[in-house]
Amino acid sequence: MMNLQHAFDQLVKQPNSNLSKNRLEQVALAVWYGDFVPNVNRYKGRQAAQAGFVLDKLSRFNCLTAEQKLRVREPLHSLKTEAAGFSSVQTKDSLAKMWGADYSLADAFTALLPLQTRHFQAQRAR
């Protein structure tokens, strides 16, 4: 299994990679059910925009408790500062545009929907 921080780093640095869907699933499960919050201090510019977008999007799923959402969203302010001035031209996703991220990973995020249901959560708890 790939190191979670490395998976997140690769997702940010190569968002259009063929492996993005698998990396996003791995990171999402760790964020939602494993209390993982990636270290985002090293990102600047376009990578800060992509990292901020991914974390912001992951924090909006209802499978997180209020406390988890706060913890995941904590680094977003510093990322927003680092990403300031970038605009997105390659996506129609409004959140990606707000962050200045070029890749919305729409198909990868759509594939995550079954992983955040109560049924999935109950199966994981067994």
N, C-alpha and C. Protein backbone atom coordinates (compact mmCIF):
# COMPACT_ATOMS: atom_id res chain seq x y z
N MET A 1 0.84 -1.19 0.00
CA MET A 1 0.00 0.00 0.00
C MET A 1 0.89 1.25 0.00
N MET A 2 0.55 2.19 -0.84
CA MET A 2 1.33 3.42 -0.98
C MET A 2 1.16 4.29 0.26
N ASN A 3 2.21 4.93 0.68
CA ASN A 3 2.17 5.90 1.76
C ASN A 3 1.10 6.95 1.43
N LEU A 4 0.25 7.27 2.40
CA LEU A 4 -0.86 8.19 2.15
C LEU A 4 -0.41 9.59 1.76
N GLN A 5 0.63 10.08 2.42
CA GLN A 5 1.13 11.41 2.07
C GLN A 5 1.65 11.40 0.64
N HIS A 6 2.35 10.34 0.28
CA HIS A 6 2.88 10.23 -1.10
C HIS A 6 1.72 10.17 -2.10
N ALA A 7 0.67 9.43 -1.77
CA ALA A 7 -0.50 9.34 -2.66
C ALA A 7 -1.12 10.73 -2.85
N PHE A 8 -1.24 11.50 -1.76
CA PHE A 8 -1.79 12.84 -1.86
C PHE A 8 -0.87 13.74 -2.69
N ASP A 9 0.43 13.65 -2.44
CA ASP A 9 1.39 14.46 -3.20
C ASP A 9 1.28 14.18 -4.69
N GLN A 10 1.19 12.92 -5.05
CA GLN A 10 1.09 12.55 -6.47
C GLN A 10 -0.24 13.02 -7.06
N LEU A 11 -1.29 12.97 -6.27
CA LEU A 11 -2.60 13.45 -6.72
C LEU A 11 -2.55 14.94 -7.02
N VAL A 12 -1.80 15.68 -6.21
CA VAL A 12 -1.67 17.13 -6.40
C VAL A 12 -0.74 17.44 -7.57
N LYS A 13 0.38 16.74 -7.65
CA LYS A 13 1.38 17.03 -8.67
C LYS A 13 1.02 16.50 -10.05
N GLN A 14 0.27 15.40 -10.10
CA GLN A 14 -0.11 14.78 -11.37
C GLN A 14 -1.60 14.44 -11.36
N PRO A 15 -2.46 15.47 -11.28
CA PRO A 15 -3.90 15.21 -11.15
C PRO A 15 -4.54 14.56 -12.37
N ASN A 16 -3.91 14.65 -13.50
CA ASN A 16 -4.48 14.06 -14.71
C ASN A 16 -3.87 12.69 -15.02
N SER A 17 -3.17 12.10 -14.06
CA SER A 17 -2.56 10.78 -14.22
C SER A 17 -3.63 9.69 -14.27
N ASN A 18 -3.31 8.60 -14.92
CA ASN A 18 -4.22 7.45 -14.96
C ASN A 18 -4.45 6.88 -13.57
N LEU A 19 -3.55 7.14 -12.65
CA LEU A 19 -3.65 6.61 -11.28
C LEU A 19 -4.42 7.53 -10.34
N SER A 20 -4.87 8.69 -10.82
CA SER A 20 -5.53 9.67 -9.96
C SER A 20 -6.76 9.10 -9.27
N LYS A 21 -7.54 8.31 -9.97
CA LYS A 21 -8.76 7.75 -9.38
C LYS A 21 -8.43 6.86 -8.19
N ASN A 22 -7.42 6.00 -8.34
CA ASN A 22 -7.02 5.12 -7.24
C ASN A 22 -6.42 5.91 -6.08
N ARG A 23 -5.62 6.90 -6.40
CA ARG A 23 -5.00 7.72 -5.35
C ARG A 23 -6.07 8.51 -4.59
N LEU A 24 -7.03 9.06 -5.32
CA LEU A 24 -8.08 9.83 -4.66
C LEU A 24 -8.90 8.93 -3.75
N GLU A 25 -9.21 7.74 -4.19
CA GLU A 25 -9.97 6.81 -3.35
C GLU A 25 -9.19 6.48 -2.07
N GLN A 26 -7.92 6.20 -2.21
CA GLN A 26 -7.07 5.86 -1.07
C GLN A 26 -7.02 7.03 -0.08
N VAL A 27 -6.82 8.23 -0.59
CA VAL A 27 -6.74 9.42 0.27
C VAL A 27 -8.10 9.71 0.90
N ALA A 28 -9.17 9.62 0.13
CA ALA A 28 -10.52 9.89 0.65
C ALA A 28 -10.86 8.95 1.79
N LEU A 29 -10.62 7.66 1.62
CA LEU A 29 -10.93 6.71 2.68
C LEU A 29 -10.12 7.02 3.94
N ALA A 30 -8.87 7.40 3.77
CA ALA A 30 -8.02 7.72 4.91
C ALA A 30 -8.48 9.01 5.61
N VAL A 31 -8.92 9.99 4.84
CA VAL A 31 -9.41 11.25 5.41
C VAL A 31 -10.74 11.00 6.13
N TRP A 32 -11.65 10.30 5.48
CA TRP A 32 -12.99 10.10 6.03
C TRP A 32 -13.03 9.13 7.20
N TYR A 33 -12.26 8.05 7.10
CA TYR A 33 -12.39 6.97 8.09
C TYR A 33 -11.11 6.69 8.86
N GLY A 34 -10.02 7.34 8.54
CA GLY A 34 -8.76 7.05 9.20
C GLY A 34 -8.10 8.25 9.84
N ASP A 35 -8.80 9.38 9.92
CA ASP A 35 -8.26 10.58 10.55
C ASP A 35 -6.99 11.11 9.90
N PHE A 36 -6.81 10.86 8.62
CA PHE A 36 -5.65 11.37 7.90
C PHE A 36 -5.90 12.78 7.41
N VAL A 37 -4.96 13.67 7.70
CA VAL A 37 -4.96 15.02 7.14
C VAL A 37 -3.58 15.22 6.53
N PRO A 38 -3.52 15.38 5.22
CA PRO A 38 -2.20 15.50 4.58
C PRO A 38 -1.46 16.77 5.00
N ASN A 39 -0.15 16.68 4.99
CA ASN A 39 0.70 17.83 5.24
C ASN A 39 0.75 18.63 3.93
N VAL A 40 0.30 19.86 3.98
CA VAL A 40 0.22 20.68 2.77
C VAL A 40 1.14 21.90 2.82
N ASN A 41 2.02 21.94 3.80
CA ASN A 41 2.89 23.12 3.99
C ASN A 41 3.84 23.38 2.84
N ARG A 42 4.18 22.37 2.08
CA ARG A 42 5.19 22.53 1.02
C ARG A 42 4.62 23.05 -0.30
N TYR A 43 3.32 23.14 -0.41
CA TYR A 43 2.73 23.52 -1.70
C TYR A 43 2.70 25.03 -1.90
N LYS A 44 3.02 25.43 -3.11
CA LYS A 44 2.99 26.83 -3.51
C LYS A 44 2.29 26.92 -4.86
N GLY A 45 1.73 28.05 -5.17
CA GLY A 45 1.17 28.32 -6.49
C GLY A 45 0.12 27.33 -6.94
N ARG A 46 0.31 26.83 -8.14
CA ARG A 46 -0.67 25.93 -8.77
C ARG A 46 -0.88 24.66 -7.94
N GLN A 47 0.17 24.13 -7.33
CA GLN A 47 0.01 22.93 -6.51
C GLN A 47 -0.80 23.24 -5.25
N ALA A 48 -0.64 24.42 -4.68
CA ALA A 48 -1.45 24.82 -3.53
C ALA A 48 -2.92 24.90 -3.92
N ALA A 49 -3.18 25.39 -5.13
CA ALA A 49 -4.56 25.46 -5.63
C ALA A 49 -5.15 24.06 -5.77
N GLN A 50 -4.39 23.14 -6.35
CA GLN A 50 -4.89 21.77 -6.54
C GLN A 50 -5.08 21.08 -5.19
N ALA A 51 -4.12 21.24 -4.27
CA ALA A 51 -4.23 20.62 -2.94
C ALA A 51 -5.43 21.19 -2.18
N GLY A 52 -5.59 22.51 -2.24
CA GLY A 52 -6.72 23.14 -1.56
C GLY A 52 -8.04 22.67 -2.11
N PHE A 53 -8.13 22.57 -3.41
CA PHE A 53 -9.36 22.08 -4.03
C PHE A 53 -9.69 20.66 -3.56
N VAL A 54 -8.71 19.76 -3.61
CA VAL A 54 -8.95 18.37 -3.23
C VAL A 54 -9.39 18.28 -1.77
N LEU A 55 -8.68 18.95 -0.88
CA LEU A 55 -9.05 18.91 0.54
C LEU A 55 -10.41 19.55 0.79
N ASP A 56 -10.66 20.68 0.15
CA ASP A 56 -11.95 21.36 0.31
C ASP A 56 -13.08 20.44 -0.16
N LYS A 57 -12.89 19.82 -1.30
CA LYS A 57 -13.92 18.92 -1.84
C LYS A 57 -14.14 17.73 -0.91
N LEU A 58 -13.07 17.11 -0.44
CA LEU A 58 -13.20 15.97 0.47
C LEU A 58 -13.90 16.35 1.76
N SER A 59 -13.70 17.58 2.21
CA SER A 59 -14.30 18.02 3.47
C SER A 59 -15.80 18.27 3.35
N ARG A 60 -16.33 18.27 2.17
CA ARG A 60 -17.74 18.58 1.96
C ARG A 60 -18.64 17.34 1.96
N PHE A 61 -18.05 16.17 2.05
CA PHE A 61 -18.86 14.96 2.07
C PHE A 61 -19.43 14.74 3.46
N ASN A 62 -20.67 14.25 3.52
CA ASN A 62 -21.38 14.12 4.79
C ASN A 62 -20.92 12.98 5.67
N CYS A 63 -19.98 12.19 5.24
CA CYS A 63 -19.51 11.08 6.07
C CYS A 63 -18.53 11.57 7.14
N LEU A 64 -18.16 12.83 7.11
CA LEU A 64 -17.28 13.41 8.14
C LEU A 64 -18.11 14.01 9.26
N THR A 65 -17.65 13.85 10.48
CA THR A 65 -18.28 14.54 11.60
C THR A 65 -17.88 16.02 11.55
N ALA A 66 -18.54 16.82 12.34
CA ALA A 66 -18.21 18.25 12.38
C ALA A 66 -16.76 18.47 12.82
N GLU A 67 -16.29 17.68 13.78
CA GLU A 67 -14.92 17.80 14.25
C GLU A 67 -13.92 17.42 13.16
N GLN A 68 -14.23 16.34 12.44
CA GLN A 68 -13.35 15.92 11.34
C GLN A 68 -13.29 16.99 10.26
N LYS A 69 -14.43 17.58 9.93
CA LYS A 69 -14.46 18.63 8.91
C LYS A 69 -13.56 19.80 9.31
N LEU A 70 -13.65 20.20 10.57
CA LEU A 70 -12.81 21.30 11.04
C LEU A 70 -11.33 20.97 10.90
N ARG A 71 -10.97 19.75 11.25
CA ARG A 71 -9.56 19.33 11.18
C ARG A 71 -9.08 19.29 9.73
N VAL A 72 -9.91 18.79 8.83
CA VAL A 72 -9.54 18.70 7.41
C VAL A 72 -9.47 20.09 6.79
N ARG A 73 -10.36 20.97 7.22
CA ARG A 73 -10.43 22.31 6.63
C ARG A 73 -9.39 23.28 7.22
N GLU A 74 -8.77 22.91 8.33
CA GLU A 74 -7.82 23.80 9.00
C GLU A 74 -6.73 24.34 8.07
N PRO A 75 -6.10 23.52 7.23
CA PRO A 75 -5.01 24.05 6.39
C PRO A 75 -5.48 24.83 5.16
N LEU A 76 -6.79 24.94 4.95
CA LEU A 76 -7.28 25.57 3.72
C LEU A 76 -6.94 27.06 3.64
N HIS A 77 -6.94 27.75 4.76
CA HIS A 77 -6.64 29.19 4.70
C HIS A 77 -5.23 29.45 4.19
N SER A 78 -4.26 28.70 4.71
CA SER A 78 -2.89 28.92 4.24
C SER A 78 -2.74 28.51 2.78
N LEU A 79 -3.45 27.47 2.37
CA LEU A 79 -3.40 27.07 0.95
C LEU A 79 -4.02 28.14 0.07
N LYS A 80 -5.12 28.73 0.53
CA LYS A 80 -5.78 29.78 -0.25
C LYS A 80 -4.84 30.96 -0.45
N THR A 81 -4.08 31.30 0.57
CA THR A 81 -3.11 32.38 0.46
C THR A 81 -2.03 32.03 -0.57
N GLU A 82 -1.53 30.80 -0.52
CA GLU A 82 -0.49 30.36 -1.46
C GLU A 82 -1.02 30.26 -2.90
N ALA A 83 -2.31 29.98 -3.04
CA ALA A 83 -2.89 29.80 -4.37
C ALA A 83 -3.46 31.09 -4.96
N ALA A 84 -3.39 32.17 -4.20
CA ALA A 84 -3.97 33.44 -4.64
C ALA A 84 -3.40 33.87 -5.99
N GLY A 85 -4.29 34.33 -6.85
CA GLY A 85 -3.85 34.85 -8.14
C GLY A 85 -3.93 33.83 -9.27
N PHE A 86 -4.17 32.57 -8.95
CA PHE A 86 -4.29 31.57 -10.01
C PHE A 86 -5.75 31.44 -10.42
N SER A 87 -5.96 31.25 -11.70
CA SER A 87 -7.31 31.01 -12.19
C SER A 87 -7.32 29.73 -13.00
N SER A 88 -8.45 29.08 -12.97
CA SER A 88 -8.60 27.81 -13.66
C SER A 88 -9.17 28.03 -15.05
N VAL A 89 -8.58 27.39 -16.02
CA VAL A 89 -9.08 27.53 -17.39
C VAL A 89 -9.49 26.19 -17.98
N GLN A 90 -9.14 25.10 -17.29
CA GLN A 90 -9.37 23.78 -17.86
C GLN A 90 -10.55 23.04 -17.26
N THR A 91 -11.34 23.66 -16.40
CA THR A 91 -12.44 22.95 -15.76
C THR A 91 -13.68 23.82 -15.68
N LYS A 92 -14.82 23.15 -15.59
CA LYS A 92 -16.09 23.85 -15.41
C LYS A 92 -16.57 23.78 -13.97
N ASP A 93 -15.88 22.98 -13.15
CA ASP A 93 -16.25 22.80 -11.74
C ASP A 93 -16.08 24.12 -10.99
N SER A 94 -17.14 24.61 -10.36
CA SER A 94 -17.09 25.93 -9.70
C SER A 94 -16.14 25.94 -8.52
N LEU A 95 -16.03 24.85 -7.76
CA LEU A 95 -15.09 24.82 -6.64
C LEU A 95 -13.65 24.81 -7.15
N ALA A 96 -13.39 24.05 -8.19
CA ALA A 96 -12.05 24.03 -8.79
C ALA A 96 -11.70 25.42 -9.32
N LYS A 97 -12.66 26.09 -9.93
CA LYS A 97 -12.41 27.45 -10.43
C LYS A 97 -12.12 28.41 -9.28
N MET A 98 -12.88 28.27 -8.18
CA MET A 98 -12.66 29.14 -7.03
C MET A 98 -11.23 28.99 -6.50
N TRP A 99 -10.72 27.77 -6.51
CA TRP A 99 -9.37 27.51 -6.02
C TRP A 99 -8.30 27.83 -7.06
N GLY A 100 -8.67 27.86 -8.34
CA GLY A 100 -7.67 28.04 -9.39
C GLY A 100 -7.03 26.73 -9.79
N ALA A 101 -7.72 25.63 -9.48
CA ALA A 101 -7.22 24.29 -9.84
C ALA A 101 -7.61 23.97 -11.27
N ASP A 102 -6.70 23.38 -12.00
CA ASP A 102 -6.98 23.05 -13.40
C ASP A 102 -7.71 21.73 -13.59
N TYR A 103 -7.63 20.85 -12.61
CA TYR A 103 -8.23 19.53 -12.77
C TYR A 103 -9.25 19.28 -11.67
N SER A 104 -10.50 19.06 -12.05
CA SER A 104 -11.57 18.86 -11.07
C SER A 104 -11.68 17.40 -10.62
N LEU A 105 -11.02 16.49 -11.34
CA LEU A 105 -11.07 15.07 -11.01
C LEU A 105 -12.51 14.58 -10.90
N ALA A 106 -13.37 15.10 -11.76
CA ALA A 106 -14.81 14.84 -11.67
C ALA A 106 -15.14 13.34 -11.67
N ASP A 107 -14.57 12.60 -12.59
CA ASP A 107 -14.86 11.16 -12.65
C ASP A 107 -14.37 10.46 -11.39
N ALA A 108 -13.21 10.85 -10.90
CA ALA A 108 -12.67 10.22 -9.69
C ALA A 108 -13.55 10.54 -8.48
N PHE A 109 -14.04 11.77 -8.36
CA PHE A 109 -14.91 12.12 -7.24
C PHE A 109 -16.26 11.42 -7.36
N THR A 110 -16.77 11.29 -8.56
CA THR A 110 -18.03 10.57 -8.75
C THR A 110 -17.91 9.12 -8.30
N ALA A 111 -16.77 8.51 -8.55
CA ALA A 111 -16.55 7.12 -8.14
C ALA A 111 -16.51 6.96 -6.63
N LEU A 112 -16.32 8.05 -5.89
CA LEU A 112 -16.26 7.99 -4.43
C LEU A 112 -17.63 7.94 -3.77
N LEU A 113 -18.67 8.29 -4.50
CA LEU A 113 -19.99 8.40 -3.88
C LEU A 113 -20.42 7.15 -3.11
N PRO A 114 -20.24 5.95 -3.64
CA PRO A 114 -20.65 4.76 -2.86
C PRO A 114 -19.83 4.56 -1.58
N LEU A 115 -18.67 5.18 -1.49
CA LEU A 115 -17.80 4.98 -0.33
C LEU A 115 -18.15 5.87 0.86
N GLN A 116 -19.12 6.76 0.69
CA GLN A 116 -19.45 7.66 1.78
C GLN A 116 -20.90 7.49 2.25
N THR A 117 -21.51 6.37 1.90
CA THR A 117 -22.87 6.09 2.34
C THR A 117 -22.88 5.45 3.73
N ARG A 118 -24.02 5.50 4.39
CA ARG A 118 -24.15 4.84 5.70
C ARG A 118 -23.96 3.34 5.57
N HIS A 119 -24.43 2.78 4.45
CA HIS A 119 -24.27 1.33 4.22
C HIS A 119 -22.79 0.96 4.17
N PHE A 120 -22.01 1.73 3.43
CA PHE A 120 -20.57 1.47 3.34
C PHE A 120 -19.91 1.64 4.71
N GLN A 121 -20.31 2.67 5.44
CA GLN A 121 -19.75 2.91 6.76
C GLN A 121 -20.04 1.74 7.69
N ALA A 122 -21.27 1.23 7.62
CA ALA A 122 -21.64 0.09 8.47
C ALA A 122 -20.84 -1.15 8.11
N GLN A 123 -20.60 -1.37 6.84
CA GLN A 123 -19.80 -2.52 6.42
C GLN A 123 -18.36 -2.39 6.89
N ARG A 124 -17.81 -1.20 6.86
CA ARG A 124 -16.43 -0.96 7.32
C ARG A 124 -16.30 -1.20 8.82
N ALA A 125 -17.37 -0.91 9.56
CA ALA A 125 -17.35 -1.03 11.02
C ALA A 125 -17.36 -2.49 11.47
N ARG A 126 -17.78 -3.39 10.61
CA ARG A 126 -17.84 -4.81 10.99
C ARG A 126 -16.50 -5.42 11.14
